[in-house]
């Protein structure tokens, strides 16, 4: 049941994040503005406590749209979009920030990211040993 609710919420948020920018671009296209044409970049990020997304219910979820401009419910949308642009949308390439020290307390958190980045489907899941380690990786993207 938890997994079904998680997927339903993710699907609804992804649809809202992807369709809203697309409808804006479609209405601007007839005016001849070439800048209105772009590959969509819209993601839904979730965070839950546990060892796998299948076994947890998300505690938090945010949307992040990076094209044509940074927006969504992500608290640091511009910084997150900038970080994602630096790694070409590859969330696996986000590395731990230097100089951040975390305890070795094991309190696992799971982050999932689903959506599209520059028109390509993105699906990412990662379990971090605790929230401090998660925040150290991709400080702009995963801090929400």
C-alpha atoms as a PDB file:
ATOM      1  CA  UNK A   1       0.000   0.000   0.000  1.00  0.00           C
ATOM      2  CA  UNK A   2       2.824   2.397   0.892  1.00  0.00           C
ATOM      3  CA  UNK A   3       4.564   1.759  -2.408  1.00  0.00           C
ATOM      4  CA  UNK A   4       1.337   2.412  -4.336  1.00  0.00           C
ATOM      5  CA  UNK A   5       0.782   5.703  -2.523  1.00  0.00           C
ATOM      6  CA  UNK A   6       4.395   6.726  -3.152  1.00  0.00           C
ATOM      7  CA  UNK A   7       4.135   6.035  -6.862  1.00  0.00           C
ATOM      8  CA  UNK A   8       0.774   7.787  -7.139  1.00  0.00           C
ATOM      9  CA  UNK A   9       2.177  10.905  -5.448  1.00  0.00           C
ATOM     10  CA  UNK A  10       5.318  10.808  -7.600  1.00  0.00           C
ATOM     11  CA  UNK A  11       3.288  10.401 -10.781  1.00  0.00           C
ATOM     12  CA  UNK A  12       0.972  13.279  -9.899  1.00  0.00           C
ATOM     13  CA  UNK A  13       3.829  15.624  -8.992  1.00  0.00           C
ATOM     14  CA  UNK A  14       5.820  14.638 -12.099  1.00  0.00           C
ATOM     15  CA  UNK A  15       2.827  15.250 -14.341  1.00  0.00           C
ATOM     16  CA  UNK A  16       2.255  18.667 -12.787  1.00  0.00           C
ATOM     17  CA  UNK A  17       5.931  19.608 -13.016  1.00  0.00           C
ATOM     18  CA  UNK A  18       6.283  18.469 -16.639  1.00  0.00           C
ATOM     19  CA  UNK A  19       2.942  19.630 -18.043  1.00  0.00           C
ATOM     20  CA  UNK A  20       2.938  23.149 -16.575  1.00  0.00           C
ATOM     21  CA  UNK A  21       6.117  24.280 -18.399  1.00  0.00           C
ATOM     22  CA  UNK A  22       5.047  22.501 -21.575  1.00  0.00           C
ATOM     23  CA  UNK A  23       1.714  24.297 -21.697  1.00  0.00           C
ATOM     24  CA  UNK A  24       3.510  27.624 -21.161  1.00  0.00           C
ATOM     25  CA  UNK A  25       5.902  26.891 -24.032  1.00  0.00           C
ATOM     26  CA  UNK A  26       3.081  25.829 -26.328  1.00  0.00           C
ATOM     27  CA  UNK A  27       1.205  29.065 -25.823  1.00  0.00           C
ATOM     28  CA  UNK A  28       4.341  31.131 -26.475  1.00  0.00           C
ATOM     29  CA  UNK A  29       5.399  29.235 -29.622  1.00  0.00           C
ATOM     30  CA  UNK A  30       2.898  30.800 -32.085  1.00  0.00           C
ATOM     31  CA  UNK A  31       4.304  34.271 -31.410  1.00  0.00           C
ATOM     32  CA  UNK A  32       7.501  33.243 -33.206  1.00  0.00           C
ATOM     33  CA  UNK A  33       9.685  33.352 -30.087  1.00  0.00           C
ATOM     34  CA  UNK A  34      12.354  30.680 -30.631  1.00  0.00           C
ATOM     35  CA  UNK A  35      13.424  30.859 -26.966  1.00  0.00           C
ATOM     36  CA  UNK A  36      10.064  29.292 -26.039  1.00  0.00           C
ATOM     37  CA  UNK A  37      11.243  25.989 -27.507  1.00  0.00           C
ATOM     38  CA  UNK A  38      13.276  23.984 -25.027  1.00  0.00           C
ATOM     39  CA  UNK A  39      13.741  20.446 -23.818  1.00  0.00           C
ATOM     40  CA  UNK A  40      11.807  20.080 -20.551  1.00  0.00           C
ATOM     41  CA  UNK A  41      13.687  19.672 -17.294  1.00  0.00           C
ATOM     42  CA  UNK A  42      11.250  18.909 -14.487  1.00  0.00           C
ATOM     43  CA  UNK A  43      11.873  16.619 -11.527  1.00  0.00           C
ATOM     44  CA  UNK A  44      10.104  15.379  -8.414  1.00  0.00           C
ATOM     45  CA  UNK A  45      12.393  14.743  -5.443  1.00  0.00           C
ATOM     46  CA  UNK A  46      11.291  12.740  -2.388  1.00  0.00           C
ATOM     47  CA  UNK A  47      12.932  11.934   0.927  1.00  0.00           C
ATOM     48  CA  UNK A  48      11.999   9.156   3.337  1.00  0.00           C
ATOM     49  CA  UNK A  49      13.561   7.423   6.323  1.00  0.00           C
ATOM     50  CA  UNK A  50      14.593   3.824   5.788  1.00  0.00           C
ATOM     51  CA  UNK A  51      16.807   1.650   3.640  1.00  0.00           C
ATOM     52  CA  UNK A  52      14.867   1.524   0.357  1.00  0.00           C
ATOM     53  CA  UNK A  53      12.176   3.548  -1.354  1.00  0.00           C
ATOM     54  CA  UNK A  54       9.971   0.465  -1.629  1.00  0.00           C
ATOM     55  CA  UNK A  55       9.870   0.134   2.158  1.00  0.00           C
ATOM     56  CA  UNK A  56       9.304   3.762   3.186  1.00  0.00           C
ATOM     57  CA  UNK A  57       6.687   6.452   2.818  1.00  0.00           C
ATOM     58  CA  UNK A  58       8.144   9.779   1.682  1.00  0.00           C
ATOM     59  CA  UNK A  59       8.296  12.430   4.393  1.00  0.00           C
ATOM     60  CA  UNK A  60       8.961  15.280   1.992  1.00  0.00           C
ATOM     61  CA  UNK A  61       8.490  15.856  -1.713  1.00  0.00           C
ATOM     62  CA  UNK A  62       9.378  18.857  -3.857  1.00  0.00           C
ATOM     63  CA  UNK A  63       9.200  19.757  -7.535  1.00  0.00           C
ATOM     64  CA  UNK A  64      12.054  21.289  -9.487  1.00  0.00           C
ATOM     65  CA  UNK A  65      11.726  22.780 -12.964  1.00  0.00           C
ATOM     66  CA  UNK A  66      14.903  24.050 -14.625  1.00  0.00           C
ATOM     67  CA  UNK A  67      13.749  25.043 -18.110  1.00  0.00           C
ATOM     68  CA  UNK A  68      12.978  27.650 -19.200  1.00  0.00           C
ATOM     69  CA  UNK A  69      13.852  29.007 -15.733  1.00  0.00           C
ATOM     70  CA  UNK A  70      14.373  27.630 -12.247  1.00  0.00           C
ATOM     71  CA  UNK A  71      11.091  27.178 -10.379  1.00  0.00           C
ATOM     72  CA  UNK A  72       9.070  24.696  -8.361  1.00  0.00           C
ATOM     73  CA  UNK A  73       8.631  24.016  -4.669  1.00  0.00           C
ATOM     74  CA  UNK A  74      12.330  23.245  -4.134  1.00  0.00           C
ATOM     75  CA  UNK A  75      13.635  25.808  -1.582  1.00  0.00           C
ATOM     76  CA  UNK A  76      16.833  26.501  -3.596  1.00  0.00           C
ATOM     77  CA  UNK A  77      15.631  25.937  -7.169  1.00  0.00           C
ATOM     78  CA  UNK A  78      18.239  28.145  -8.881  1.00  0.00           C
ATOM     79  CA  UNK A  79      21.177  26.567  -7.009  1.00  0.00           C
ATOM     80  CA  UNK A  80      19.818  23.056  -7.603  1.00  0.00           C
ATOM     81  CA  UNK A  81      19.364  23.689 -11.333  1.00  0.00           C
ATOM     82  CA  UNK A  82      22.885  25.108 -11.522  1.00  0.00           C
ATOM     83  CA  UNK A  83      24.339  22.035  -9.833  1.00  0.00           C
ATOM     84  CA  UNK A  84      22.402  19.704 -12.108  1.00  0.00           C
ATOM     85  CA  UNK A  85      23.562  21.639 -15.183  1.00  0.00           C
ATOM     86  CA  UNK A  86      27.200  21.221 -14.055  1.00  0.00           C
ATOM     87  CA  UNK A  87      26.840  17.416 -14.019  1.00  0.00           C
ATOM     88  CA  UNK A  88      24.600  17.226 -17.096  1.00  0.00           C
ATOM     89  CA  UNK A  89      21.634  16.039 -15.042  1.00  0.00           C
ATOM     90  CA  UNK A  90      23.524  12.946 -13.830  1.00  0.00           C
ATOM     91  CA  UNK A  91      22.642  12.744 -10.148  1.00  0.00           C
ATOM     92  CA  UNK A  92      25.165   9.955  -9.646  1.00  0.00           C
ATOM     93  CA  UNK A  93      27.902  12.477 -10.432  1.00  0.00           C
ATOM     94  CA  UNK A  94      27.052  14.634  -7.406  1.00  0.00           C
ATOM     95  CA  UNK A  95      29.932  14.274  -4.958  1.00  0.00           C
ATOM     96  CA  UNK A  96      30.357  15.097  -1.296  1.00  0.00           C
ATOM     97  CA  UNK A  97      31.387  18.656  -0.526  1.00  0.00           C
ATOM     98  CA  UNK A  98      34.872  19.029   0.906  1.00  0.00           C
ATOM     99  CA  UNK A  99      35.222  20.095   4.515  1.00  0.00           C
ATOM    100  CA  UNK A 100      31.888  18.648   5.663  1.00  0.00           C
ATOM    101  CA  UNK A 101      32.156  16.294   8.607  1.00  0.00           C
ATOM    102  CA  UNK A 102      29.285  14.026   9.608  1.00  0.00           C
ATOM    103  CA  UNK A 103      28.819  11.607  12.477  1.00  0.00           C
ATOM    104  CA  UNK A 104      28.762   7.888  11.814  1.00  0.00           C
ATOM    105  CA  UNK A 105      25.277   7.567  13.232  1.00  0.00           C
ATOM    106  CA  UNK A 106      23.236   5.163  11.109  1.00  0.00           C
ATOM    107  CA  UNK A 107      19.809   6.673  10.487  1.00  0.00           C
ATOM    108  CA  UNK A 108      19.270   5.916   6.773  1.00  0.00           C
ATOM    109  CA  UNK A 109      17.435   8.286   4.460  1.00  0.00           C
ATOM    110  CA  UNK A 110      16.322   7.471   0.924  1.00  0.00           C
ATOM    111  CA  UNK A 111      16.184  10.073  -1.815  1.00  0.00           C
ATOM    112  CA  UNK A 112      14.350   9.471  -5.079  1.00  0.00           C
ATOM    113  CA  UNK A 113      14.303  11.694  -8.136  1.00  0.00           C
ATOM    114  CA  UNK A 114      11.918  11.061 -11.028  1.00  0.00           C
ATOM    115  CA  UNK A 115      11.104  13.165 -14.075  1.00  0.00           C
ATOM    116  CA  UNK A 116      12.906  14.467 -17.150  1.00  0.00           C
ATOM    117  CA  UNK A 117      16.180  16.318 -17.635  1.00  0.00           C
ATOM    118  CA  UNK A 118      16.553  18.077 -20.993  1.00  0.00           C
ATOM    119  CA  UNK A 119      13.990  15.721 -22.492  1.00  0.00           C
ATOM    120  CA  UNK A 120      15.558  12.485 -21.117  1.00  0.00           C
ATOM    121  CA  UNK A 121      13.798  10.324 -18.529  1.00  0.00           C
ATOM    122  CA  UNK A 122      15.496  10.409 -15.104  1.00  0.00           C
ATOM    123  CA  UNK A 123      14.971   7.899 -12.307  1.00  0.00           C
ATOM    124  CA  UNK A 124      17.340   7.940  -9.333  1.00  0.00           C
ATOM    125  CA  UNK A 125      17.282   6.347  -5.902  1.00  0.00           C
ATOM    126  CA  UNK A 126      20.009   6.487  -3.282  1.00  0.00           C
ATOM    127  CA  UNK A 127      20.198   5.554   0.377  1.00  0.00           C
ATOM    128  CA  UNK A 128      22.471   7.683   2.560  1.00  0.00           C
ATOM    129  CA  UNK A 129      23.602   6.586   6.042  1.00  0.00           C
ATOM    130  CA  UNK A 130      22.161   9.775   7.557  1.00  0.00           C
ATOM    131  CA  UNK A 131      20.782  13.183   6.574  1.00  0.00           C
ATOM    132  CA  UNK A 132      24.124  14.966   7.106  1.00  0.00           C
ATOM    133  CA  UNK A 133      25.805  12.758   4.492  1.00  0.00           C
ATOM    134  CA  UNK A 134      22.876  13.334   2.129  1.00  0.00           C
ATOM    135  CA  UNK A 135      23.146  17.119   2.514  1.00  0.00           C
ATOM    136  CA  UNK A 136      26.891  16.971   1.834  1.00  0.00           C
ATOM    137  CA  UNK A 137      26.191  15.366  -1.572  1.00  0.00           C
ATOM    138  CA  UNK A 138      24.794  17.872  -4.006  1.00  0.00           C
ATOM    139  CA  UNK A 139      24.153  20.506  -1.390  1.00  0.00           C
ATOM    140  CA  UNK A 140      21.837  22.524  -3.643  1.00  0.00           C
ATOM    141  CA  UNK A 141      19.931  19.623  -5.174  1.00  0.00           C
ATOM    142  CA  UNK A 142      19.363  17.341  -2.200  1.00  0.00           C
ATOM    143  CA  UNK A 143      18.781  19.947   0.492  1.00  0.00           C
ATOM    144  CA  UNK A 144      15.004  20.287   0.661  1.00  0.00           C
END
